[in-house]
Amino acid sequence: MEKVNPVIDESWKTVLGAEFEKIYFQDIKKFLLEEKQKYRIYPPGRMIFNAFDHTPFDRVKVVLLGQDPYHGPGQAHGLCFSVPAGIPKPPSLNNILKELQSDLGLVPPVSGDLTRWADQGVLLLNATLTVRENQAGSHQNHGWETFTDAAISQLSLLRSELVFVLWGNFAIAKRSLIDESRHHILTAVHPSPLSAHRGFFGCRHFSKINNLLRQQGVNEIDWSLS
């Protein structure tokens, strides 16, 4: 069996190394190679593990879970809900930034790039790490969820006092992977325009995260993006 050696931050390679040896991960690589011959795939290959590279395992403070990458040109760069500078902000991200303003008084930035959060310890993790152009969910159930579930499970097992932020039913279903005696969990409906008015707006998760970090004596997240 061919060894898969993905380019990913060394701290995660240490924790998740066993996953790269498993058949399902070989299958992911094969699937992606086949997909790239027929379709445009997002994000670019060098950005698939961006969330892990910007937030090393031992520096994670907060885990924010998304479902799969944006599927429009130029949008996905490996961080859930985030888009690179210069790319229009999708509706869910606009709602996240509206809640940020309501909660902490931070004026929504021009850019929707959330890299600054990732660099402070917010793991912006999608359950599926790739997608076919213009086809939402097209790479679900091809193995990525097994890998990202392993990442969540390892964080739950080996770290303590992390804040897991679960927005929407898909993310909330991941609750079963988290040891609630060791970690904090915040839940709300998804920030999508279809549901945000049913409890995302007003959830005040940004201030709640910082309160939980402060209680541990851990540096808070500076949520400002501009």
C-alpha atoms as a PDB file:
ATOM      1  CA  MET A   1       0.000   0.000   0.000  1.00  0.00           C
ATOM      2  CA  GLU A   2       1.413   3.399  -1.009  1.00  0.00           C
ATOM      3  CA  LYS A   3       2.278   5.672   1.890  1.00  0.00           C
ATOM      4  CA  VAL A   4       0.400   8.994   1.936  1.00  0.00           C
ATOM      5  CA  ASN A   5       2.428  11.847   3.379  1.00  0.00           C
ATOM      6  CA  PRO A   6       0.299  15.005   3.252  1.00  0.00           C
ATOM      7  CA  VAL A   7       1.835  18.423   3.779  1.00  0.00           C
ATOM      8  CA  ILE A   8       0.338  19.377   7.138  1.00  0.00           C
ATOM      9  CA  ASP A   9       1.638  21.037  10.301  1.00  0.00           C
ATOM     10  CA  GLU A  10       3.958  18.680  12.192  1.00  0.00           C
ATOM     11  CA  SER A  11       1.952  18.863  15.427  1.00  0.00           C
ATOM     12  CA  TRP A  12      -1.077  17.450  13.621  1.00  0.00           C
ATOM     13  CA  LYS A  13       1.020  14.933  11.729  1.00  0.00           C
ATOM     14  CA  THR A  14       2.139  13.561  15.100  1.00  0.00           C
ATOM     15  CA  VAL A  15      -1.415  13.299  16.437  1.00  0.00           C
ATOM     16  CA  LEU A  16      -3.102  12.083  13.242  1.00  0.00           C
ATOM     17  CA  GLY A  17      -0.249  10.117  11.677  1.00  0.00           C
ATOM     18  CA  ALA A  18      -2.064   6.808  12.088  1.00  0.00           C
ATOM     19  CA  GLU A  19      -4.930   8.126   9.940  1.00  0.00           C
ATOM     20  CA  PHE A  20      -2.622   8.600   6.947  1.00  0.00           C
ATOM     21  CA  GLU A  21      -1.793   4.890   7.061  1.00  0.00           C
ATOM     22  CA  LYS A  22      -5.410   3.766   6.837  1.00  0.00           C
ATOM     23  CA  ILE A  23      -7.142   2.556   3.701  1.00  0.00           C
ATOM     24  CA  TYR A  24      -9.787   5.293   3.787  1.00  0.00           C
ATOM     25  CA  PHE A  25      -7.095   7.971   3.514  1.00  0.00           C
ATOM     26  CA  GLN A  26      -5.575   6.185   0.537  1.00  0.00           C
ATOM     27  CA  ASP A  27      -9.066   6.239  -0.955  1.00  0.00           C
ATOM     28  CA  ILE A  28      -9.367  10.004  -0.401  1.00  0.00           C
ATOM     29  CA  LYS A  29      -6.153  10.565  -2.344  1.00  0.00           C
ATOM     30  CA  LYS A  30      -7.336   8.332  -5.178  1.00  0.00           C
ATOM     31  CA  PHE A  31     -10.732  10.044  -5.263  1.00  0.00           C
ATOM     32  CA  LEU A  32      -9.166  13.515  -5.442  1.00  0.00           C
ATOM     33  CA  LEU A  33      -6.826  12.527  -8.248  1.00  0.00           C
ATOM     34  CA  GLU A  34      -9.793  11.220 -10.246  1.00  0.00           C
ATOM     35  CA  GLU A  35     -11.881  14.312  -9.505  1.00  0.00           C
ATOM     36  CA  LYS A  36      -9.122  16.709 -10.580  1.00  0.00           C
ATOM     37  CA  GLN A  37      -9.006  15.050 -13.992  1.00  0.00           C
ATOM     38  CA  LYS A  38     -12.656  15.929 -14.599  1.00  0.00           C
ATOM     39  CA  TYR A  39     -13.532  18.950 -12.452  1.00  0.00           C
ATOM     40  CA  ARG A  40     -12.148  22.034 -10.788  1.00  0.00           C
ATOM     41  CA  ILE A  41     -11.697  21.316  -7.097  1.00  0.00           C
ATOM     42  CA  TYR A  42     -11.617  23.798  -4.199  1.00  0.00           C
ATOM     43  CA  PRO A  43      -9.656  24.835  -2.258  1.00  0.00           C
ATOM     44  CA  PRO A  44      -6.306  24.692  -4.095  1.00  0.00           C
ATOM     45  CA  GLY A  45      -4.246  21.689  -3.002  1.00  0.00           C
ATOM     46  CA  ARG A  46      -1.810  23.726  -0.917  1.00  0.00           C
ATOM     47  CA  MET A  47      -4.735  25.088   1.135  1.00  0.00           C
ATOM     48  CA  ILE A  48      -6.606  21.861   1.890  1.00  0.00           C
ATOM     49  CA  PHE A  49      -5.019  21.628   5.366  1.00  0.00           C
ATOM     50  CA  ASN A  50      -4.939  25.387   5.997  1.00  0.00           C
ATOM     51  CA  ALA A  51      -6.946  25.139   9.229  1.00  0.00           C
ATOM     52  CA  PHE A  52      -4.406  22.702  10.671  1.00  0.00           C
ATOM     53  CA  ASP A  53      -1.427  24.727   9.458  1.00  0.00           C
ATOM     54  CA  HIS A  54      -2.622  28.007  10.961  1.00  0.00           C
ATOM     55  CA  THR A  55      -3.728  26.426  14.255  1.00  0.00           C
ATOM     56  CA  PRO A  56      -1.244  23.789  15.504  1.00  0.00           C
ATOM     57  CA  PHE A  57      -2.671  21.083  17.765  1.00  0.00           C
ATOM     58  CA  ASP A  58      -1.133  22.428  20.972  1.00  0.00           C
ATOM     59  CA  ARG A  59      -2.306  25.979  20.264  1.00  0.00           C
ATOM     60  CA  VAL A  60      -5.999  25.235  19.738  1.00  0.00           C
ATOM     61  CA  LYS A  61      -8.245  27.160  22.127  1.00  0.00           C
ATOM     62  CA  VAL A  62     -11.526  27.158  20.213  1.00  0.00           C
ATOM     63  CA  VAL A  63     -12.926  24.743  17.613  1.00  0.00           C
ATOM     64  CA  LEU A  64     -15.462  26.165  15.150  1.00  0.00           C
ATOM     65  CA  LEU A  65     -16.994  23.505  12.930  1.00  0.00           C
ATOM     66  CA  GLY A  66     -18.292  23.995   9.420  1.00  0.00           C
ATOM     67  CA  GLN A  67     -19.640  21.501   6.894  1.00  0.00           C
ATOM     68  CA  ASP A  68     -17.792  21.801   3.593  1.00  0.00           C
ATOM     69  CA  PRO A  69     -15.842  24.473   1.669  1.00  0.00           C
ATOM     70  CA  TYR A  70     -17.432  27.213  -0.390  1.00  0.00           C
ATOM     71  CA  HIS A  71     -17.785  26.008  -3.976  1.00  0.00           C
ATOM     72  CA  GLY A  72     -17.504  29.278  -5.914  1.00  0.00           C
ATOM     73  CA  PRO A  73     -14.349  30.489  -7.667  1.00  0.00           C
ATOM     74  CA  GLY A  74     -11.772  31.944  -5.306  1.00  0.00           C
ATOM     75  CA  GLN A  75     -13.865  31.512  -2.161  1.00  0.00           C
ATOM     76  CA  ALA A  76     -12.440  28.473  -0.357  1.00  0.00           C
ATOM     77  CA  HIS A  77      -9.039  28.704   1.303  1.00  0.00           C
ATOM     78  CA  GLY A  78      -9.214  25.941   3.887  1.00  0.00           C
ATOM     79  CA  LEU A  79     -10.807  27.836   6.787  1.00  0.00           C
ATOM     80  CA  CYS A  80     -14.508  27.315   7.505  1.00  0.00           C
ATOM     81  CA  PHE A  81     -16.782  30.321   6.884  1.00  0.00           C
ATOM     82  CA  SER A  82     -13.777  32.387   5.687  1.00  0.00           C
ATOM     83  CA  VAL A  83     -13.002  33.827   2.253  1.00  0.00           C
ATOM     84  CA  PRO A  84      -9.757  35.438   1.071  1.00  0.00           C
ATOM     85  CA  ALA A  85      -9.428  39.209   0.976  1.00  0.00           C
ATOM     86  CA  GLY A  86     -11.074  40.692  -2.106  1.00  0.00           C
ATOM     87  CA  ILE A  87     -13.746  37.970  -2.371  1.00  0.00           C
ATOM     88  CA  PRO A  88     -17.343  39.048  -1.557  1.00  0.00           C
ATOM     89  CA  LYS A  89     -18.530  37.759   1.808  1.00  0.00           C
ATOM     90  CA  PRO A  90     -21.111  34.919   1.580  1.00  0.00           C
ATOM     91  CA  PRO A  91     -24.420  35.372   3.449  1.00  0.00           C
ATOM     92  CA  SER A  92     -23.537  33.131   6.433  1.00  0.00           C
ATOM     93  CA  LEU A  93     -20.285  34.992   6.968  1.00  0.00           C
ATOM     94  CA  ASN A  94     -22.095  38.329   6.787  1.00  0.00           C
ATOM     95  CA  ASN A  95     -24.421  37.101   9.531  1.00  0.00           C
ATOM     96  CA  ILE A  96     -21.476  35.953  11.659  1.00  0.00           C
ATOM     97  CA  LEU A  97     -19.971  39.425  11.372  1.00  0.00           C
ATOM     98  CA  LYS A  98     -23.348  41.037  12.206  1.00  0.00           C
ATOM     99  CA  GLU A  99     -23.501  38.967  15.396  1.00  0.00           C
ATOM    100  CA  LEU A 100     -19.918  39.938  16.164  1.00  0.00           C
ATOM    101  CA  GLN A 101     -20.902  43.595  15.894  1.00  0.00           C
ATOM    102  CA  SER A 102     -23.995  43.084  18.063  1.00  0.00           C
ATOM    103  CA  ASP A 103     -22.045  41.131  20.679  1.00  0.00           C
ATOM    104  CA  LEU A 104     -18.783  43.065  20.903  1.00  0.00           C
ATOM    105  CA  GLY A 105     -19.416  46.279  18.982  1.00  0.00           C
ATOM    106  CA  LEU A 106     -16.890  45.415  16.277  1.00  0.00           C
ATOM    107  CA  VAL A 107     -17.747  47.028  12.951  1.00  0.00           C
ATOM    108  CA  PRO A 108     -17.861  44.383  10.172  1.00  0.00           C
ATOM    109  CA  PRO A 109     -14.588  44.474   8.211  1.00  0.00           C
ATOM    110  CA  VAL A 110     -14.272  44.920   4.463  1.00  0.00           C
ATOM    111  CA  SER A 111     -12.522  41.548   4.165  1.00  0.00           C
ATOM    112  CA  GLY A 112     -14.046  38.200   5.077  1.00  0.00           C
ATOM    113  CA  ASP A 113     -10.647  36.620   5.732  1.00  0.00           C
ATOM    114  CA  LEU A 114     -10.725  34.959   9.183  1.00  0.00           C
ATOM    115  CA  THR A 115      -7.062  33.914   9.175  1.00  0.00           C
ATOM    116  CA  ARG A 116      -6.417  36.249  12.101  1.00  0.00           C
ATOM    117  CA  TRP A 117      -8.743  34.131  14.242  1.00  0.00           C
ATOM    118  CA  ALA A 118      -7.018  30.924  13.154  1.00  0.00           C
ATOM    119  CA  ASP A 119      -3.599  32.323  14.041  1.00  0.00           C
ATOM    120  CA  GLN A 120      -4.853  33.028  17.587  1.00  0.00           C
ATOM    121  CA  GLY A 121      -6.032  29.478  18.235  1.00  0.00           C
ATOM    122  CA  VAL A 122      -9.456  29.219  16.604  1.00  0.00           C
ATOM    123  CA  LEU A 123      -9.479  25.981  14.591  1.00  0.00           C
ATOM    124  CA  LEU A 124     -11.743  26.802  11.631  1.00  0.00           C
ATOM    125  CA  LEU A 125     -12.467  23.220  10.636  1.00  0.00           C
ATOM    126  CA  ASN A 126     -14.768  22.010   7.883  1.00  0.00           C
ATOM    127  CA  ALA A 127     -15.935  18.394   8.184  1.00  0.00           C
ATOM    128  CA  THR A 128     -15.203  17.907   4.476  1.00  0.00           C
ATOM    129  CA  LEU A 129     -11.997  19.526   3.254  1.00  0.00           C
ATOM    130  CA  THR A 130     -12.631  19.699  -0.503  1.00  0.00           C
ATOM    131  CA  VAL A 131     -15.504  20.304  -2.926  1.00  0.00           C
ATOM    132  CA  ARG A 132     -16.231  20.230  -6.654  1.00  0.00           C
ATOM    133  CA  GLU A 133     -16.763  23.646  -8.270  1.00  0.00           C
ATOM    134  CA  ASN A 134     -20.396  24.791  -8.074  1.00  0.00           C
ATOM    135  CA  GLN A 135     -21.530  21.523  -6.460  1.00  0.00           C
ATOM    136  CA  ALA A 136     -22.110  21.918  -2.741  1.00  0.00           C
ATOM    137  CA  GLY A 137     -21.565  18.747  -0.732  1.00  0.00           C
ATOM    138  CA  SER A 138     -20.061  16.907  -3.689  1.00  0.00           C
ATOM    139  CA  HIS A 139     -17.136  15.531  -1.668  1.00  0.00           C
ATOM    140  CA  GLN A 140     -19.134  14.484   1.375  1.00  0.00           C
ATOM    141  CA  ASN A 141     -19.076  10.789   2.305  1.00  0.00           C
ATOM    142  CA  HIS A 142     -15.766  10.130   0.569  1.00  0.00           C
ATOM    143  CA  GLY A 143     -13.653   9.812   3.711  1.00  0.00           C
ATOM    144  CA  TRP A 144     -12.931  13.354   4.823  1.00  0.00           C
ATOM    145  CA  GLU A 145     -15.436  13.140   7.672  1.00  0.00           C
ATOM    146  CA  THR A 146     -13.586  10.140   9.099  1.00  0.00           C
ATOM    147  CA  PHE A 147     -10.387  12.200   9.133  1.00  0.00           C
ATOM    148  CA  THR A 148     -11.890  15.346  10.652  1.00  0.00           C
ATOM    149  CA  ASP A 149     -13.826  13.288  13.210  1.00  0.00           C
ATOM    150  CA  ALA A 150     -10.463  11.823  14.235  1.00  0.00           C
ATOM    151  CA  ALA A 151      -9.102  15.347  14.668  1.00  0.00           C
ATOM    152  CA  ILE A 152     -12.042  16.310  16.891  1.00  0.00           C
ATOM    153  CA  SER A 153     -11.707  13.095  18.895  1.00  0.00           C
ATOM    154  CA  GLN A 154      -7.982  13.639  19.457  1.00  0.00           C
ATOM    155  CA  LEU A 155      -8.595  17.191  20.627  1.00  0.00           C
ATOM    156  CA  SER A 156     -11.251  15.905  23.011  1.00  0.00           C
ATOM    157  CA  LEU A 157      -8.975  13.162  24.339  1.00  0.00           C
ATOM    158  CA  LEU A 158      -5.614  14.912  24.580  1.00  0.00           C
ATOM    159  CA  ARG A 159      -6.536  18.527  25.318  1.00  0.00           C
ATOM    160  CA  SER A 160      -8.747  20.040  28.019  1.00  0.00           C
ATOM    161  CA  GLU A 161     -10.925  23.118  28.517  1.00  0.00           C
ATOM    162  CA  LEU A 162     -11.361  23.760  24.789  1.00  0.00           C
ATOM    163  CA  VAL A 163     -14.424  25.643  23.577  1.00  0.00           C
ATOM    164  CA  PHE A 164     -16.280  23.775  20.819  1.00  0.00           C
ATOM    165  CA  VAL A 165     -18.657  26.000  18.841  1.00  0.00           C
ATOM    166  CA  LEU A 166     -21.363  24.068  16.995  1.00  0.00           C
ATOM    167  CA  TRP A 167     -23.659  26.052  14.696  1.00  0.00           C
ATOM    168  CA  GLY A 168     -26.476  24.141  13.008  1.00  0.00           C
ATOM    169  CA  ASN A 169     -27.658  20.552  13.179  1.00  0.00           C
ATOM    170  CA  PHE A 170     -24.735  19.135  11.217  1.00  0.00           C
ATOM    171  CA  ALA A 171     -22.169  20.573  13.625  1.00  0.00           C
ATOM    172  CA  ILE A 172     -24.265  19.793  16.703  1.00  0.00           C
ATOM    173  CA  ALA A 173     -24.270  16.118  15.665  1.00  0.00           C
ATOM    174  CA  LYS A 174     -20.493  16.136  16.298  1.00  0.00           C
ATOM    175  CA  ARG A 175     -21.206  16.652  19.989  1.00  0.00           C
ATOM    176  CA  SER A 176     -20.988  12.891  20.506  1.00  0.00           C
ATOM    177  CA  LEU A 177     -17.243  13.052  19.726  1.00  0.00           C
ATOM    178  CA  ILE A 178     -16.545  15.515  22.548  1.00  0.00           C
ATOM    179  CA  ASP A 179     -16.002  14.674  26.218  1.00  0.00           C
ATOM    180  CA  GLU A 180     -18.249  17.264  27.854  1.00  0.00           C
ATOM    181  CA  SER A 181     -16.648  16.664  31.252  1.00  0.00           C
ATOM    182  CA  ARG A 182     -13.374  18.059  29.857  1.00  0.00           C
ATOM    183  CA  HIS A 183     -14.546  20.726  27.422  1.00  0.00           C
ATOM    184  CA  HIS A 184     -17.082  23.503  26.867  1.00  0.00           C
ATOM    185  CA  ILE A 185     -19.701  23.354  24.117  1.00  0.00           C
ATOM    186  CA  LEU A 186     -21.655  26.285  22.685  1.00  0.00           C
ATOM    187  CA  THR A 187     -24.502  25.561  20.263  1.00  0.00           C
ATOM    188  CA  ALA A 188     -26.812  27.656  18.109  1.00  0.00           C
ATOM    189  CA  VAL A 189     -28.701  27.396  14.838  1.00  0.00           C
ATOM    190  CA  HIS A 190     -26.669  27.899  11.674  1.00  0.00           C
ATOM    191  CA  PRO A 191     -25.845  31.511  10.666  1.00  0.00           C
ATOM    192  CA  SER A 192     -27.418  30.926   7.246  1.00  0.00           C
ATOM    193  CA  PRO A 193     -30.097  33.502   6.297  1.00  0.00           C
ATOM    194  CA  LEU A 194     -32.564  30.594   6.409  1.00  0.00           C
ATOM    195  CA  SER A 195     -32.066  30.099  10.150  1.00  0.00           C
ATOM    196  CA  ALA A 196     -30.046  32.927  11.717  1.00  0.00           C
ATOM    197  CA  HIS A 197     -33.132  34.715  13.035  1.00  0.00           C
ATOM    198  CA  ARG A 198     -34.148  31.583  14.973  1.00  0.00           C
ATOM    199  CA  GLY A 199     -31.388  31.880  17.554  1.00  0.00           C
ATOM    200  CA  PHE A 200     -28.050  32.629  15.960  1.00  0.00           C
ATOM    201  CA  PHE A 201     -28.537  36.346  16.260  1.00  0.00           C
ATOM    202  CA  GLY A 202     -28.236  37.111  19.953  1.00  0.00           C
ATOM    203  CA  CYS A 203     -26.291  33.961  20.870  1.00  0.00           C
ATOM    204  CA  ARG A 204     -23.323  36.145  21.939  1.00  0.00           C
ATOM    205  CA  HIS A 205     -20.887  33.312  21.408  1.00  0.00           C
ATOM    206  CA  PHE A 206     -17.896  35.580  20.864  1.00  0.00           C
ATOM    207  CA  SER A 207     -18.120  37.139  24.327  1.00  0.00           C
ATOM    208  CA  LYS A 208     -19.007  33.769  25.872  1.00  0.00           C
ATOM    209  CA  ILE A 209     -15.874  32.199  24.351  1.00  0.00           C
ATOM    210  CA  ASN A 210     -13.698  34.930  25.796  1.00  0.00           C
ATOM    211  CA  ASN A 211     -15.358  34.617  29.199  1.00  0.00           C
ATOM    212  CA  LEU A 212     -14.569  30.889  29.230  1.00  0.00           C
ATOM    213  CA  LEU A 213     -10.961  31.504  28.182  1.00  0.00           C
ATOM    214  CA  ARG A 214     -10.576  34.247  30.791  1.00  0.00           C
ATOM    215  CA  GLN A 215     -11.804  31.898  33.526  1.00  0.00           C
ATOM    216  CA  GLN A 216      -8.951  29.542  32.614  1.00  0.00           C
ATOM    217  CA  GLY A 217      -6.360  32.304  32.624  1.00  0.00           C
ATOM    218  CA  VAL A 218      -5.910  31.852  28.869  1.00  0.00           C
ATOM    219  CA  ASN A 219      -5.445  34.804  26.501  1.00  0.00           C
ATOM    220  CA  GLU A 220      -8.740  35.818  24.960  1.00  0.00           C
ATOM    221  CA  ILE A 221      -9.338  35.958  21.218  1.00  0.00           C
ATOM    222  CA  ASP A 222      -9.099  39.387  19.631  1.00  0.00           C
ATOM    223  CA  TRP A 223     -12.042  39.028  17.269  1.00  0.00           C
ATOM    224  CA  SER A 224     -11.358  42.276  15.374  1.00  0.00           C
ATOM    225  CA  LEU A 225     -10.525  41.775  11.716  1.00  0.00           C
ATOM    226  CA  SER A 226      -9.750  45.312  10.572  1.00  0.00           C
END
